[in-house]
Amino acid sequence: MADEIPPTGADPASDPPHDDPPPGDGASQTPDKDVINDREMPLLDHLADAHLKMPQAFEEDPVEVVRRNLYVMPFHEDSVARLVDTVGVDHIIFGSDFPHPEGLAEPCSYVDELPPGLPEADQAKIMGGNMARIMGVGVPA
């Protein structure tokens, strides 16, 4: 059987290499911003469709419930403009994985990744204001 575990002492040279993840598992595959910008939001689309078909099953619009309760800490390569359109600027939070490899070498340079033309007040929200509001702490002026 193909699913059997080889006995101890089996020749490792006969095993197939395991370096590459199988296609489609998402490991090490980061789509570029254009792909992210064009991607549908299936969860929100399904919720909106269900609400349209069965409004009596919901106390309120489920898409608005998600938008009100969901906060996103995007990776630097994610489309913040798309997130602003989806959840609103008040629900996007800057974070850093530095010094982990996914983090930026200069975490505060994330402000340079924000969409061109994003108002300074919205940049301040993303870069710390939103988190301060959630945690109930003041933001230095």
Protein backbone atom coordinates (compact mmCIF):
# COMPACT_ATOMS: atom_id res chain seq x y z
CA MET A 1 0.00 0.00 0.00
CA ALA A 2 1.21 3.51 -0.79
CA ASP A 3 0.16 4.83 2.64
CA GLU A 4 2.28 2.38 4.62
CA ILE A 5 5.10 3.79 6.73
CA PRO A 6 8.46 2.41 5.60
CA PRO A 7 10.21 0.20 8.14
CA THR A 8 12.97 1.67 10.30
CA GLY A 9 16.25 1.57 8.47
CA ALA A 10 14.65 2.07 5.04
CA ASP A 11 16.94 3.60 2.46
CA PRO A 12 16.33 7.40 2.60
CA ALA A 13 17.83 7.76 -0.87
CA SER A 14 14.82 5.93 -2.28
CA ASP A 15 12.39 8.46 -0.77
CA PRO A 16 11.25 11.24 -3.09
CA PRO A 17 12.62 14.70 -2.23
CA HIS A 18 10.42 16.78 0.09
CA ASP A 19 11.88 20.21 -0.61
CA ASP A 20 9.01 21.64 -2.62
CA PRO A 21 5.50 21.94 -1.17
CA PRO A 22 2.73 20.41 -3.27
CA PRO A 23 1.10 22.89 -5.64
CA GLY A 24 -1.84 24.80 -4.27
CA ASP A 25 -1.00 24.68 -0.56
CA GLY A 26 -0.04 28.36 -0.56
CA ALA A 27 3.37 27.92 1.03
CA SER A 28 5.86 30.54 -0.16
CA GLN A 29 3.39 31.83 -2.71
CA THR A 30 2.68 35.53 -2.31
CA PRO A 31 0.49 37.04 -5.01
CA ASP A 32 1.43 40.47 -6.22
CA LYS A 33 -0.69 43.51 -5.34
CA ASP A 34 -2.53 43.50 -8.67
CA VAL A 35 -3.77 39.96 -8.06
CA ILE A 36 -4.86 40.85 -4.53
CA ASN A 37 -6.66 43.96 -5.80
CA ASP A 38 -8.72 41.90 -8.25
CA ARG A 39 -9.55 39.08 -5.84
CA GLU A 40 -13.15 38.72 -4.75
CA MET A 41 -14.01 38.67 -1.07
CA PRO A 42 -15.78 35.28 -0.99
CA LEU A 43 -16.79 35.36 2.69
CA LEU A 44 -18.41 38.77 2.38
CA ASP A 45 -19.96 37.83 -0.95
CA HIS A 46 -21.47 34.64 0.54
CA LEU A 47 -22.77 36.49 3.59
CA ALA A 48 -24.33 39.19 1.42
CA ASP A 49 -25.96 36.56 -0.78
CA ALA A 50 -27.32 34.63 2.22
CA HIS A 51 -28.68 37.85 3.73
CA LEU A 52 -30.33 38.78 0.46
CA LYS A 53 -31.99 35.35 0.17
CA MET A 54 -32.95 34.94 3.85
CA PRO A 55 -32.96 38.30 5.64
CA GLN A 56 -35.25 36.86 8.33
CA ALA A 57 -32.41 34.54 9.44
CA PHE A 58 -30.25 37.49 10.51
CA GLU A 59 -30.77 40.06 13.23
CA GLU A 60 -28.72 42.51 11.17
CA ASP A 61 -26.71 42.64 7.97
CA PRO A 62 -23.93 40.05 8.45
CA VAL A 63 -21.51 41.93 6.19
CA GLU A 64 -21.79 44.98 8.44
CA VAL A 65 -21.27 42.77 11.50
CA VAL A 66 -18.02 41.43 10.01
CA ARG A 67 -16.86 44.90 9.01
CA ARG A 68 -17.60 46.23 12.48
CA ASN A 69 -15.78 43.41 14.30
CA LEU A 70 -12.89 42.51 12.00
CA TYR A 71 -9.49 44.14 12.37
CA VAL A 72 -6.72 43.41 9.87
CA MET A 73 -2.97 43.60 10.33
CA PRO A 74 -1.80 43.24 6.71
CA PHE A 75 1.58 42.10 5.48
CA HIS A 76 3.55 44.83 3.74
CA GLU A 77 2.82 43.31 0.32
CA ASP A 78 -0.96 43.25 0.84
CA SER A 79 -3.18 45.84 -0.81
CA VAL A 80 -4.08 48.35 1.89
CA ALA A 81 -6.24 50.26 -0.61
CA ARG A 82 -8.41 47.15 -1.07
CA LEU A 83 -8.61 46.67 2.70
CA VAL A 84 -9.64 50.30 3.19
CA ASP A 85 -12.48 49.68 0.71
CA THR A 86 -13.44 46.40 2.41
CA VAL A 87 -13.19 47.00 6.17
CA GLY A 88 -12.48 50.73 6.40
CA VAL A 89 -9.38 52.57 7.57
CA ASP A 90 -10.48 52.36 11.22
CA HIS A 91 -10.03 48.56 11.11
CA ILE A 92 -6.51 48.34 9.69
CA ILE A 93 -3.65 48.04 12.16
CA PHE A 94 0.08 48.31 11.57
CA GLY A 95 2.10 45.48 13.02
CA SER A 96 5.53 44.03 12.57
CA ASP A 97 7.01 40.54 12.70
CA PHE A 98 10.51 42.00 12.92
CA PRO A 99 13.00 40.39 13.37
CA HIS A 100 11.16 37.37 11.94
CA PRO A 101 11.79 36.98 8.18
CA GLU A 102 8.26 38.14 7.30
CA GLY A 103 8.92 41.48 8.99
CA LEU A 104 10.38 44.54 7.35
CA ALA A 105 13.98 45.36 8.28
CA GLU A 106 12.77 48.87 9.13
CA PRO A 107 9.21 48.31 10.42
CA CYS A 108 8.25 51.98 10.51
CA SER A 109 8.98 52.18 6.77
CA TYR A 110 5.59 50.47 6.36
CA VAL A 111 4.13 53.96 6.17
CA ASP A 112 5.81 54.18 2.74
CA GLU A 113 3.79 51.12 1.62
CA LEU A 114 0.46 52.82 2.30
CA PRO A 115 -1.60 53.88 -0.73
CA PRO A 116 -0.53 57.12 -2.40
CA GLY A 117 -2.87 59.93 -1.49
CA LEU A 118 -4.07 58.32 1.74
CA PRO A 119 -4.77 61.28 4.03
CA GLU A 120 -2.24 61.86 6.82
CA ALA A 121 -4.95 61.33 9.45
CA ASP A 122 -5.71 57.88 7.98
CA GLN A 123 -2.00 57.03 7.89
CA ALA A 124 -1.78 57.94 11.59
CA LYS A 125 -4.75 55.66 12.35
CA ILE A 126 -3.12 52.70 10.59
CA MET A 127 0.33 53.31 12.03
CA GLY A 128 -0.81 53.37 15.66
CA GLY A 129 -3.97 55.35 16.25
CA ASN A 130 -6.33 52.44 15.70
CA MET A 131 -4.45 50.18 18.08
CA ALA A 132 -4.28 52.92 20.70
CA ARG A 133 -8.06 53.43 20.37
CA ILE A 134 -8.74 49.69 20.72
CA MET A 135 -6.49 49.44 23.77
CA GLY A 136 -7.83 52.64 25.30
CA VAL A 137 -4.50 54.40 25.55
CA GLY A 138 -3.54 57.88 24.44
CA VAL A 139 -1.50 58.62 21.35
CA PRO A 140 1.39 61.06 21.78
CA ALA A 141 0.86 64.28 19.86
